[in-house]
N, C-alpha and C. Protein backbone atom coordinates (compact mmCIF):
# COMPACT_ATOMS: atom_id res chain seq x y z
N MET A 1 63.52 -38.70 -53.18
CA MET A 1 62.86 -39.79 -52.51
C MET A 1 61.82 -39.23 -51.55
N VAL A 2 60.62 -39.75 -51.62
CA VAL A 2 59.53 -39.29 -50.76
C VAL A 2 59.57 -40.07 -49.46
N THR A 3 59.68 -39.33 -48.34
CA THR A 3 59.81 -39.97 -47.03
C THR A 3 58.65 -39.64 -46.10
N LYS A 4 57.57 -39.11 -46.66
CA LYS A 4 56.41 -38.78 -45.82
C LYS A 4 55.96 -40.01 -45.04
N THR A 5 55.59 -39.79 -43.82
CA THR A 5 55.10 -40.77 -42.83
C THR A 5 56.19 -41.69 -42.28
N PHE A 6 57.39 -41.66 -42.83
CA PHE A 6 58.48 -42.48 -42.28
C PHE A 6 59.28 -41.66 -41.28
N GLY A 7 59.65 -42.30 -40.17
CA GLY A 7 60.42 -41.64 -39.13
C GLY A 7 61.86 -41.41 -39.57
N ILE A 8 62.51 -40.49 -38.88
CA ILE A 8 63.89 -40.15 -39.22
C ILE A 8 64.82 -41.35 -39.01
N ASP A 9 64.44 -42.28 -38.13
CA ASP A 9 65.25 -43.49 -37.92
C ASP A 9 65.33 -44.34 -39.19
N LYS A 10 64.29 -44.30 -40.01
CA LYS A 10 64.29 -45.03 -41.29
C LYS A 10 65.03 -44.25 -42.38
N ILE A 11 65.10 -42.93 -42.20
CA ILE A 11 65.69 -42.06 -43.21
C ILE A 11 67.21 -41.91 -43.02
N GLU A 12 67.67 -41.92 -41.79
CA GLU A 12 69.11 -41.70 -41.51
C GLU A 12 70.03 -42.66 -42.26
N PRO A 13 69.70 -43.95 -42.38
CA PRO A 13 70.59 -44.82 -43.15
C PRO A 13 70.71 -44.39 -44.62
N ILE A 14 69.64 -43.83 -45.16
CA ILE A 14 69.65 -43.36 -46.55
C ILE A 14 70.53 -42.11 -46.65
N ILE A 15 70.44 -41.24 -45.66
CA ILE A 15 71.30 -40.04 -45.64
C ILE A 15 72.77 -40.46 -45.62
N LYS A 16 73.07 -41.49 -44.84
CA LYS A 16 74.47 -41.95 -44.72
C LYS A 16 75.02 -42.51 -46.03
N THR A 17 74.14 -42.92 -46.94
CA THR A 17 74.61 -43.41 -48.24
C THR A 17 74.95 -42.25 -49.18
N GLY A 18 74.59 -41.03 -48.78
CA GLY A 18 74.90 -39.86 -49.59
C GLY A 18 73.70 -39.27 -50.32
N HIS A 19 72.51 -39.85 -50.14
CA HIS A 19 71.32 -39.31 -50.79
C HIS A 19 71.03 -37.93 -50.21
N LYS A 20 70.64 -36.98 -51.08
CA LYS A 20 70.49 -35.60 -50.62
C LYS A 20 69.10 -35.00 -50.78
N HIS A 21 68.26 -35.52 -51.64
CA HIS A 21 66.95 -34.93 -51.90
C HIS A 21 65.84 -35.79 -51.31
N PHE A 22 65.00 -35.15 -50.48
CA PHE A 22 63.91 -35.84 -49.81
C PHE A 22 62.62 -35.04 -49.93
N GLY A 23 61.49 -35.74 -50.09
CA GLY A 23 60.20 -35.10 -50.25
C GLY A 23 59.28 -35.37 -49.08
N GLU A 24 58.60 -34.33 -48.66
CA GLU A 24 57.61 -34.43 -47.58
C GLU A 24 56.31 -33.79 -48.03
N ASN A 25 55.20 -34.28 -47.50
CA ASN A 25 53.87 -33.80 -47.87
C ASN A 25 53.34 -32.72 -46.94
N LYS A 26 53.72 -32.79 -45.68
CA LYS A 26 53.12 -31.91 -44.67
C LYS A 26 54.20 -31.11 -43.95
N VAL A 27 53.93 -29.81 -43.81
CA VAL A 27 54.88 -28.90 -43.19
C VAL A 27 55.16 -29.31 -41.75
N GLN A 28 54.10 -29.57 -40.97
CA GLN A 28 54.28 -29.88 -39.54
C GLN A 28 55.11 -31.15 -39.35
N GLU A 29 54.82 -32.18 -40.11
CA GLU A 29 55.60 -33.42 -40.01
C GLU A 29 57.06 -33.17 -40.37
N ALA A 30 57.28 -32.38 -41.39
CA ALA A 30 58.65 -32.07 -41.82
C ALA A 30 59.40 -31.28 -40.77
N LEU A 31 58.74 -30.32 -40.14
CA LEU A 31 59.39 -29.54 -39.08
C LEU A 31 59.90 -30.45 -37.97
N GLU A 32 59.05 -31.39 -37.57
CA GLU A 32 59.41 -32.29 -36.49
C GLU A 32 60.55 -33.22 -36.89
N LYS A 33 60.53 -33.70 -38.13
CA LYS A 33 61.51 -34.69 -38.58
C LYS A 33 62.82 -34.08 -39.04
N TRP A 34 62.76 -32.95 -39.72
CA TRP A 34 63.90 -32.49 -40.49
C TRP A 34 64.68 -31.31 -39.92
N THR A 35 64.12 -30.56 -38.99
CA THR A 35 64.80 -29.34 -38.52
C THR A 35 66.21 -29.65 -38.04
N GLU A 36 66.34 -30.55 -37.10
CA GLU A 36 67.67 -30.89 -36.56
C GLU A 36 68.52 -31.63 -37.59
N THR A 37 67.90 -32.53 -38.33
CA THR A 37 68.64 -33.32 -39.31
C THR A 37 69.24 -32.42 -40.40
N LYS A 38 68.48 -31.42 -40.85
CA LYS A 38 69.01 -30.50 -41.85
C LYS A 38 70.11 -29.61 -41.26
N ASP A 39 69.96 -29.23 -40.00
CA ASP A 39 71.02 -28.44 -39.35
C ASP A 39 72.34 -29.21 -39.32
N ASN A 40 72.23 -30.53 -39.17
CA ASN A 40 73.43 -31.37 -39.09
C ASN A 40 73.92 -31.87 -40.45
N ASN A 41 73.13 -31.66 -41.50
CA ASN A 41 73.47 -32.11 -42.85
C ASN A 41 73.14 -30.99 -43.83
N LYS A 42 74.03 -30.05 -43.98
CA LYS A 42 73.77 -28.82 -44.74
C LYS A 42 73.50 -29.07 -46.22
N ASP A 43 73.92 -30.21 -46.75
CA ASP A 43 73.74 -30.45 -48.18
C ASP A 43 72.41 -31.13 -48.53
N ILE A 44 71.59 -31.45 -47.52
CA ILE A 44 70.28 -32.04 -47.77
C ILE A 44 69.35 -30.98 -48.36
N LYS A 45 68.60 -31.39 -49.36
CA LYS A 45 67.60 -30.53 -49.99
C LYS A 45 66.23 -31.14 -49.72
N LEU A 46 65.36 -30.36 -49.11
CA LEU A 46 64.03 -30.84 -48.75
C LEU A 46 63.00 -30.24 -49.70
N HIS A 47 62.11 -31.11 -50.20
CA HIS A 47 61.08 -30.73 -51.16
C HIS A 47 59.71 -30.83 -50.51
N LEU A 48 58.91 -29.76 -50.58
CA LEU A 48 57.52 -29.83 -50.16
C LEU A 48 56.72 -30.24 -51.38
N ILE A 49 56.19 -31.46 -51.34
CA ILE A 49 55.47 -31.99 -52.50
C ILE A 49 53.96 -31.98 -52.29
N GLY A 50 53.52 -31.63 -51.10
CA GLY A 50 52.09 -31.57 -50.82
C GLY A 50 51.55 -30.16 -50.95
N LYS A 51 50.27 -30.03 -50.79
CA LYS A 51 49.60 -28.72 -50.86
C LYS A 51 50.15 -27.82 -49.76
N LEU A 52 50.43 -26.59 -50.10
CA LEU A 52 50.90 -25.60 -49.13
C LEU A 52 49.79 -24.59 -48.88
N GLN A 53 49.35 -24.54 -47.63
CA GLN A 53 48.34 -23.55 -47.24
C GLN A 53 49.05 -22.26 -46.89
N THR A 54 48.42 -21.13 -47.16
CA THR A 54 49.08 -19.84 -46.93
C THR A 54 49.47 -19.64 -45.46
N ASN A 55 48.70 -20.18 -44.52
CA ASN A 55 49.04 -20.00 -43.11
C ASN A 55 50.24 -20.84 -42.67
N LYS A 56 50.73 -21.71 -43.53
CA LYS A 56 51.90 -22.55 -43.21
C LYS A 56 53.19 -22.03 -43.85
N VAL A 57 53.08 -21.01 -44.70
CA VAL A 57 54.26 -20.53 -45.42
C VAL A 57 55.35 -20.08 -44.45
N LYS A 58 54.97 -19.40 -43.36
CA LYS A 58 55.97 -18.89 -42.41
C LYS A 58 56.81 -20.01 -41.79
N PHE A 59 56.26 -21.22 -41.73
CA PHE A 59 57.00 -22.36 -41.18
C PHE A 59 57.81 -23.08 -42.26
N CYS A 60 57.46 -22.82 -43.48
CA CYS A 60 58.00 -23.55 -44.63
C CYS A 60 59.43 -23.11 -44.98
N LEU A 61 59.70 -21.82 -44.81
CA LEU A 61 61.02 -21.29 -45.15
C LEU A 61 61.82 -21.05 -43.89
N PRO A 62 63.07 -21.39 -43.84
CA PRO A 62 63.92 -21.94 -44.89
C PRO A 62 64.03 -23.46 -44.88
N LEU A 63 63.13 -24.15 -44.21
CA LEU A 63 63.22 -25.61 -44.13
C LEU A 63 63.18 -26.26 -45.51
N PHE A 64 62.25 -25.82 -46.36
CA PHE A 64 62.10 -26.43 -47.68
C PHE A 64 62.90 -25.65 -48.73
N ASP A 65 63.71 -26.38 -49.45
CA ASP A 65 64.51 -25.79 -50.52
C ASP A 65 63.71 -25.71 -51.82
N TYR A 66 62.72 -26.58 -51.94
CA TYR A 66 61.86 -26.66 -53.13
C TYR A 66 60.41 -26.71 -52.69
N ILE A 67 59.54 -26.00 -53.42
CA ILE A 67 58.10 -26.07 -53.21
C ILE A 67 57.49 -26.49 -54.54
N HIS A 68 56.80 -27.62 -54.55
CA HIS A 68 56.27 -28.20 -55.79
C HIS A 68 54.81 -27.87 -56.03
N SER A 69 54.21 -26.96 -55.27
CA SER A 69 52.75 -26.84 -55.34
C SER A 69 52.20 -25.42 -55.37
N LEU A 70 52.89 -24.51 -56.04
CA LEU A 70 52.34 -23.15 -56.19
C LEU A 70 51.17 -23.21 -57.17
N ASP A 71 49.99 -22.76 -56.71
CA ASP A 71 48.84 -22.84 -57.61
C ASP A 71 47.88 -21.66 -57.51
N ASN A 72 48.27 -20.60 -56.79
CA ASN A 72 47.41 -19.42 -56.74
C ASN A 72 48.21 -18.17 -56.37
N ILE A 73 47.64 -17.02 -56.69
CA ILE A 73 48.31 -15.73 -56.50
C ILE A 73 48.53 -15.42 -55.02
N LYS A 74 47.55 -15.72 -54.20
CA LYS A 74 47.68 -15.43 -52.76
C LYS A 74 48.88 -16.19 -52.17
N LEU A 75 49.05 -17.43 -52.58
CA LEU A 75 50.18 -18.22 -52.11
C LEU A 75 51.50 -17.65 -52.64
N ALA A 76 51.51 -17.23 -53.88
CA ALA A 76 52.72 -16.62 -54.46
C ALA A 76 53.13 -15.39 -53.66
N GLU A 77 52.14 -14.56 -53.31
CA GLU A 77 52.41 -13.35 -52.53
C GLU A 77 52.96 -13.69 -51.15
N LYS A 78 52.37 -14.68 -50.50
CA LYS A 78 52.84 -15.09 -49.16
C LYS A 78 54.28 -15.60 -49.21
N ILE A 79 54.59 -16.43 -50.20
CA ILE A 79 55.95 -16.94 -50.34
C ILE A 79 56.92 -15.80 -50.61
N ALA A 80 56.54 -14.88 -51.50
CA ALA A 80 57.40 -13.74 -51.82
C ALA A 80 57.70 -12.91 -50.57
N ASN A 81 56.68 -12.63 -49.77
CA ASN A 81 56.88 -11.85 -48.54
C ASN A 81 57.75 -12.59 -47.54
N GLU A 82 57.51 -13.87 -47.39
CA GLU A 82 58.26 -14.66 -46.41
C GLU A 82 59.72 -14.83 -46.82
N GLN A 83 59.97 -14.98 -48.11
CA GLN A 83 61.37 -15.15 -48.52
C GLN A 83 62.17 -13.87 -48.28
N VAL A 84 61.53 -12.72 -48.31
CA VAL A 84 62.22 -11.46 -47.97
C VAL A 84 62.53 -11.43 -46.47
N LYS A 85 61.53 -11.79 -45.66
CA LYS A 85 61.73 -11.80 -44.20
C LYS A 85 62.83 -12.77 -43.79
N LYS A 86 62.84 -13.96 -44.39
CA LYS A 86 63.78 -15.01 -43.98
C LYS A 86 65.09 -14.97 -44.77
N LYS A 87 65.15 -14.10 -45.79
CA LYS A 87 66.33 -14.03 -46.66
C LYS A 87 66.69 -15.41 -47.22
N PHE A 88 65.67 -16.07 -47.71
CA PHE A 88 65.82 -17.42 -48.26
C PHE A 88 64.84 -17.59 -49.41
N LYS A 89 65.36 -18.00 -50.56
CA LYS A 89 64.54 -18.08 -51.77
C LYS A 89 64.47 -19.54 -52.26
N PRO A 90 63.33 -20.21 -52.03
CA PRO A 90 63.19 -21.60 -52.49
C PRO A 90 62.98 -21.67 -54.00
N LYS A 91 63.28 -22.81 -54.56
CA LYS A 91 62.98 -23.10 -55.96
C LYS A 91 61.53 -23.58 -56.02
N ILE A 92 60.79 -23.09 -57.01
CA ILE A 92 59.34 -23.32 -57.00
C ILE A 92 58.85 -23.90 -58.32
N PHE A 93 57.93 -24.85 -58.19
CA PHE A 93 57.21 -25.43 -59.32
C PHE A 93 55.77 -24.92 -59.28
N ILE A 94 55.23 -24.61 -60.43
CA ILE A 94 53.80 -24.28 -60.54
C ILE A 94 53.07 -25.61 -60.74
N GLN A 95 52.09 -25.85 -59.88
CA GLN A 95 51.30 -27.07 -60.01
C GLN A 95 50.21 -26.88 -61.05
N ILE A 96 50.13 -27.82 -61.98
CA ILE A 96 49.14 -27.80 -63.05
C ILE A 96 48.09 -28.88 -62.79
N ASN A 97 46.83 -28.52 -62.91
CA ASN A 97 45.75 -29.50 -62.80
C ASN A 97 45.59 -30.11 -64.19
N ILE A 98 46.49 -31.03 -64.51
CA ILE A 98 46.63 -31.55 -65.87
C ILE A 98 45.43 -32.39 -66.31
N GLY A 99 44.69 -32.96 -65.37
CA GLY A 99 43.52 -33.76 -65.72
C GLY A 99 42.21 -33.01 -65.57
N ASP A 100 42.29 -31.70 -65.28
CA ASP A 100 41.10 -30.87 -65.05
C ASP A 100 40.14 -31.53 -64.06
N GLU A 101 40.71 -32.01 -62.94
CA GLU A 101 39.92 -32.70 -61.92
C GLU A 101 39.52 -31.72 -60.82
N ASP A 102 38.24 -31.67 -60.51
CA ASP A 102 37.73 -30.73 -59.51
C ASP A 102 38.36 -30.92 -58.13
N GLN A 103 38.66 -32.16 -57.76
CA GLN A 103 39.16 -32.45 -56.42
C GLN A 103 40.66 -32.16 -56.26
N LYS A 104 41.35 -31.82 -57.34
CA LYS A 104 42.80 -31.58 -57.27
C LYS A 104 43.11 -30.10 -57.42
N GLY A 105 44.18 -29.70 -56.75
CA GLY A 105 44.67 -28.34 -56.89
C GLY A 105 45.43 -28.18 -58.18
N GLY A 106 45.83 -26.97 -58.43
CA GLY A 106 46.64 -26.69 -59.61
C GLY A 106 46.01 -25.67 -60.52
N VAL A 107 46.87 -25.02 -61.28
CA VAL A 107 46.44 -24.03 -62.26
C VAL A 107 45.89 -24.78 -63.47
N LYS A 108 44.81 -24.28 -64.03
CA LYS A 108 44.26 -24.90 -65.24
C LYS A 108 45.20 -24.64 -66.41
N GLN A 109 45.27 -25.60 -67.32
CA GLN A 109 46.18 -25.50 -68.45
C GLN A 109 45.99 -24.21 -69.23
N ASN A 110 44.74 -23.85 -69.49
CA ASN A 110 44.48 -22.66 -70.30
C ASN A 110 44.72 -21.36 -69.55
N GLU A 111 45.01 -21.42 -68.25
CA GLU A 111 45.29 -20.23 -67.45
C GLU A 111 46.76 -20.11 -67.09
N LEU A 112 47.57 -21.09 -67.49
CA LEU A 112 48.97 -21.12 -67.09
C LEU A 112 49.74 -19.89 -67.56
N LEU A 113 49.66 -19.55 -68.81
CA LEU A 113 50.46 -18.45 -69.34
C LEU A 113 50.16 -17.14 -68.61
N GLU A 114 48.89 -16.86 -68.42
CA GLU A 114 48.49 -15.64 -67.71
C GLU A 114 48.99 -15.67 -66.25
N PHE A 115 48.83 -16.81 -65.59
CA PHE A 115 49.29 -16.97 -64.20
C PHE A 115 50.80 -16.78 -64.12
N TYR A 116 51.52 -17.43 -65.00
CA TYR A 116 52.98 -17.34 -65.00
C TYR A 116 53.45 -15.90 -65.21
N LYS A 117 52.88 -15.23 -66.20
CA LYS A 117 53.27 -13.84 -66.48
C LYS A 117 53.01 -12.94 -65.27
N LYS A 118 51.87 -13.15 -64.61
CA LYS A 118 51.50 -12.33 -63.46
C LYS A 118 52.47 -12.54 -62.29
N ILE A 119 52.79 -13.78 -61.98
CA ILE A 119 53.68 -13.99 -60.82
C ILE A 119 55.12 -13.58 -61.14
N ILE A 120 55.54 -13.70 -62.38
CA ILE A 120 56.88 -13.24 -62.76
C ILE A 120 56.96 -11.72 -62.67
N LYS A 121 55.90 -11.04 -63.08
CA LYS A 121 55.87 -9.58 -63.07
C LYS A 121 55.77 -9.03 -61.64
N GLU A 122 54.95 -9.66 -60.81
CA GLU A 122 54.63 -9.09 -59.50
C GLU A 122 55.48 -9.60 -58.34
N PHE A 123 56.08 -10.79 -58.49
CA PHE A 123 56.79 -11.38 -57.36
C PHE A 123 58.18 -11.86 -57.78
N ASP A 124 59.10 -11.76 -56.88
CA ASP A 124 60.48 -12.19 -57.14
C ASP A 124 60.65 -13.65 -56.69
N LEU A 125 60.00 -14.55 -57.42
CA LEU A 125 60.05 -15.97 -57.08
C LEU A 125 60.97 -16.70 -58.06
N ASP A 126 61.61 -17.75 -57.57
CA ASP A 126 62.48 -18.57 -58.41
C ASP A 126 61.66 -19.73 -58.98
N ILE A 127 60.91 -19.45 -60.04
CA ILE A 127 60.07 -20.46 -60.68
C ILE A 127 60.96 -21.27 -61.61
N ILE A 128 61.11 -22.57 -61.31
CA ILE A 128 62.01 -23.40 -62.12
C ILE A 128 61.29 -24.40 -63.01
N GLY A 129 59.99 -24.65 -62.75
CA GLY A 129 59.32 -25.66 -63.55
C GLY A 129 57.86 -25.85 -63.21
N LEU A 130 57.32 -26.92 -63.76
CA LEU A 130 55.91 -27.28 -63.57
C LEU A 130 55.81 -28.63 -62.88
N MET A 131 54.71 -28.84 -62.16
CA MET A 131 54.45 -30.10 -61.47
C MET A 131 53.02 -30.53 -61.75
N CYS A 132 52.80 -31.84 -61.82
CA CYS A 132 51.43 -32.34 -61.95
C CYS A 132 51.29 -33.67 -61.21
N ILE A 133 50.04 -33.95 -60.87
CA ILE A 133 49.63 -35.26 -60.39
C ILE A 133 48.50 -35.68 -61.34
N PRO A 134 48.80 -36.57 -62.29
CA PRO A 134 47.78 -36.92 -63.28
C PRO A 134 46.66 -37.75 -62.67
N PRO A 135 45.57 -37.87 -63.39
CA PRO A 135 44.48 -38.75 -62.93
C PRO A 135 44.99 -40.18 -62.74
N PHE A 136 44.29 -40.92 -61.90
CA PHE A 136 44.66 -42.31 -61.65
C PHE A 136 44.14 -43.16 -62.80
N VAL A 137 45.02 -43.38 -63.79
CA VAL A 137 44.68 -44.17 -64.98
C VAL A 137 45.87 -45.10 -65.27
N ASP A 138 45.66 -46.09 -66.12
CA ASP A 138 46.73 -47.03 -66.45
C ASP A 138 47.89 -46.37 -67.19
N ASP A 139 47.59 -45.48 -68.12
CA ASP A 139 48.63 -44.85 -68.91
C ASP A 139 48.61 -43.34 -68.69
N THR A 140 49.58 -42.84 -67.94
CA THR A 140 49.64 -41.41 -67.65
C THR A 140 50.47 -40.64 -68.68
N SER A 141 51.03 -41.35 -69.65
CA SER A 141 51.89 -40.70 -70.66
C SER A 141 51.23 -39.51 -71.35
N PRO A 142 49.97 -39.58 -71.77
CA PRO A 142 49.38 -38.41 -72.43
C PRO A 142 49.42 -37.14 -71.57
N PHE A 143 49.26 -37.31 -70.26
CA PHE A 143 49.30 -36.16 -69.36
C PHE A 143 50.73 -35.62 -69.24
N PHE A 144 51.69 -36.52 -69.21
CA PHE A 144 53.09 -36.11 -69.13
C PHE A 144 53.52 -35.41 -70.42
N ILE A 145 53.01 -35.87 -71.54
CA ILE A 145 53.31 -35.22 -72.82
C ILE A 145 52.74 -33.79 -72.82
N LYS A 146 51.52 -33.62 -72.32
CA LYS A 146 50.93 -32.28 -72.21
C LYS A 146 51.79 -31.38 -71.33
N MET A 147 52.32 -31.94 -70.24
CA MET A 147 53.17 -31.15 -69.34
C MET A 147 54.44 -30.68 -70.05
N LYS A 148 55.01 -31.56 -70.82
CA LYS A 148 56.23 -31.19 -71.56
C LYS A 148 55.94 -30.04 -72.52
N VAL A 149 54.83 -30.11 -73.21
CA VAL A 149 54.44 -29.05 -74.15
C VAL A 149 54.22 -27.73 -73.39
N LEU A 150 53.52 -27.79 -72.26
CA LEU A 150 53.28 -26.59 -71.47
C LEU A 150 54.58 -25.96 -70.99
N SER A 151 55.50 -26.79 -70.52
CA SER A 151 56.77 -26.24 -70.02
C SER A 151 57.59 -25.61 -71.14
N GLU A 152 57.52 -26.19 -72.32
CA GLU A 152 58.24 -25.62 -73.46
C GLU A 152 57.64 -24.28 -73.88
N LYS A 153 56.31 -24.14 -73.76
CA LYS A 153 55.64 -22.89 -74.14
C LYS A 153 56.12 -21.71 -73.30
N ILE A 154 56.40 -21.97 -72.01
CA ILE A 154 56.84 -20.86 -71.16
C ILE A 154 58.33 -20.97 -70.82
N ASN A 155 59.01 -21.87 -71.50
CA ASN A 155 60.46 -22.00 -71.40
C ASN A 155 60.95 -22.31 -69.99
N LEU A 156 60.31 -23.29 -69.35
CA LEU A 156 60.77 -23.76 -68.05
C LEU A 156 61.41 -25.14 -68.25
N LYS A 157 62.53 -25.36 -67.62
CA LYS A 157 63.32 -26.57 -67.87
C LYS A 157 62.92 -27.78 -67.02
N GLU A 158 62.41 -27.54 -65.82
CA GLU A 158 62.17 -28.65 -64.88
C GLU A 158 60.71 -29.12 -64.91
N LEU A 159 60.56 -30.44 -64.80
CA LEU A 159 59.23 -31.05 -64.73
C LEU A 159 59.19 -32.02 -63.56
N SER A 160 58.34 -31.75 -62.60
CA SER A 160 58.14 -32.61 -61.44
C SER A 160 56.88 -33.44 -61.69
N MET A 161 57.09 -34.69 -62.05
CA MET A 161 55.94 -35.56 -62.36
C MET A 161 56.37 -37.01 -62.29
N GLY A 162 55.43 -37.84 -61.92
CA GLY A 162 55.69 -39.26 -61.77
C GLY A 162 55.89 -39.63 -60.32
N MET A 163 55.30 -40.77 -59.97
CA MET A 163 55.44 -41.30 -58.61
C MET A 163 55.76 -42.79 -58.73
N SER A 164 55.67 -43.51 -57.65
CA SER A 164 56.07 -44.91 -57.66
C SER A 164 55.34 -45.73 -58.71
N GLY A 165 54.10 -45.39 -59.01
CA GLY A 165 53.32 -46.17 -59.98
C GLY A 165 53.54 -45.82 -61.43
N ASP A 166 54.10 -44.64 -61.70
CA ASP A 166 54.24 -44.22 -63.11
C ASP A 166 55.55 -43.50 -63.39
N TYR A 167 56.55 -43.73 -62.57
CA TYR A 167 57.82 -43.02 -62.73
C TYR A 167 58.51 -43.34 -64.06
N ILE A 168 58.33 -44.54 -64.57
CA ILE A 168 58.96 -44.90 -65.85
C ILE A 168 58.34 -44.08 -66.98
N GLN A 169 57.00 -43.99 -66.99
CA GLN A 169 56.32 -43.17 -67.99
C GLN A 169 56.76 -41.71 -67.87
N ALA A 170 56.90 -41.22 -66.65
CA ALA A 170 57.32 -39.83 -66.44
C ALA A 170 58.73 -39.61 -66.97
N ALA A 171 59.63 -40.53 -66.66
CA ALA A 171 61.01 -40.40 -67.11
C ALA A 171 61.11 -40.41 -68.64
N LYS A 172 60.30 -41.22 -69.27
CA LYS A 172 60.29 -41.28 -70.73
C LYS A 172 59.75 -40.00 -71.35
N ASN A 173 59.06 -39.21 -70.56
CA ASN A 173 58.43 -37.99 -71.07
C ASN A 173 59.02 -36.72 -70.45
N ALA A 174 60.31 -36.75 -70.19
CA ALA A 174 61.09 -35.56 -69.83
C ALA A 174 61.00 -35.12 -68.37
N ALA A 175 60.51 -35.95 -67.46
CA ALA A 175 60.51 -35.58 -66.05
C ALA A 175 61.94 -35.38 -65.58
N THR A 176 62.16 -34.30 -64.82
CA THR A 176 63.48 -34.05 -64.24
C THR A 176 63.47 -34.29 -62.74
N PHE A 177 62.29 -34.28 -62.14
CA PHE A 177 62.11 -34.59 -60.72
C PHE A 177 60.99 -35.62 -60.64
N ILE A 178 61.27 -36.76 -60.02
CA ILE A 178 60.28 -37.83 -59.89
C ILE A 178 60.09 -38.09 -58.40
N ARG A 179 58.84 -38.16 -57.96
CA ARG A 179 58.52 -38.27 -56.54
C ARG A 179 58.24 -39.73 -56.16
N VAL A 180 59.30 -40.49 -56.00
CA VAL A 180 59.17 -41.92 -55.69
C VAL A 180 59.35 -42.12 -54.19
N GLY A 181 58.43 -42.86 -53.60
CA GLY A 181 58.50 -43.15 -52.17
C GLY A 181 58.37 -44.62 -51.87
N SER A 182 57.18 -45.17 -52.05
CA SER A 182 56.91 -46.55 -51.64
C SER A 182 57.76 -47.57 -52.39
N LYS A 183 58.16 -47.28 -53.60
CA LYS A 183 59.04 -48.22 -54.35
C LYS A 183 60.40 -48.36 -53.66
N ILE A 184 60.79 -47.34 -52.91
CA ILE A 184 62.08 -47.37 -52.22
C ILE A 184 61.90 -47.64 -50.74
N MET A 185 60.97 -46.91 -50.12
CA MET A 185 60.80 -46.95 -48.67
C MET A 185 59.92 -48.11 -48.21
N GLY A 186 59.10 -48.64 -49.11
CA GLY A 186 58.16 -49.67 -48.73
C GLY A 186 56.78 -49.09 -48.46
N LYS A 187 55.86 -49.97 -48.12
CA LYS A 187 54.47 -49.55 -47.87
C LYS A 187 54.40 -48.63 -46.66
N ARG A 188 53.49 -47.66 -46.75
CA ARG A 188 53.24 -46.77 -45.61
C ARG A 188 52.17 -47.39 -44.72
N ASP A 189 52.24 -47.04 -43.45
CA ASP A 189 51.21 -47.52 -42.51
C ASP A 189 49.87 -46.89 -42.79
């Protein structure tokens, strides 16, 4: 469940129901909201679903159990170094620029295999899957199908794709992690 921009007062009732996985977009917001809450709830798993800048990696671990936005070698190196310092290894998704959009981050589809081989060879990262944010179109299924094919090519089991507007299409196309927020939490301010 994506809880970005919602205060911990809105999130605590959800924690009390037993929900364990929460997504945040920004490291600073998450630090303020989740540090104490995670200390008091050891089974909560926090997902960084937004872009991670290299200068924020030191704040990211061990707060985030999952990072959904690895998209360059410099970031991979920073995460690898920080996980050694903090003795904490997050689960990581490689972000794919599935729509080849200039304004979006992510590894290009035709560069994925080379990128994956390089980070597996050079860094001790726990790469569990791929993530995408498809273009804003009525039917995102073709992009999700491409993601499934890409993940099968490099034998990764997890797919982080789909949000409140297209989670059904994502689920039908093998998504294992769906980033739903406003459908559950309501409109953001």
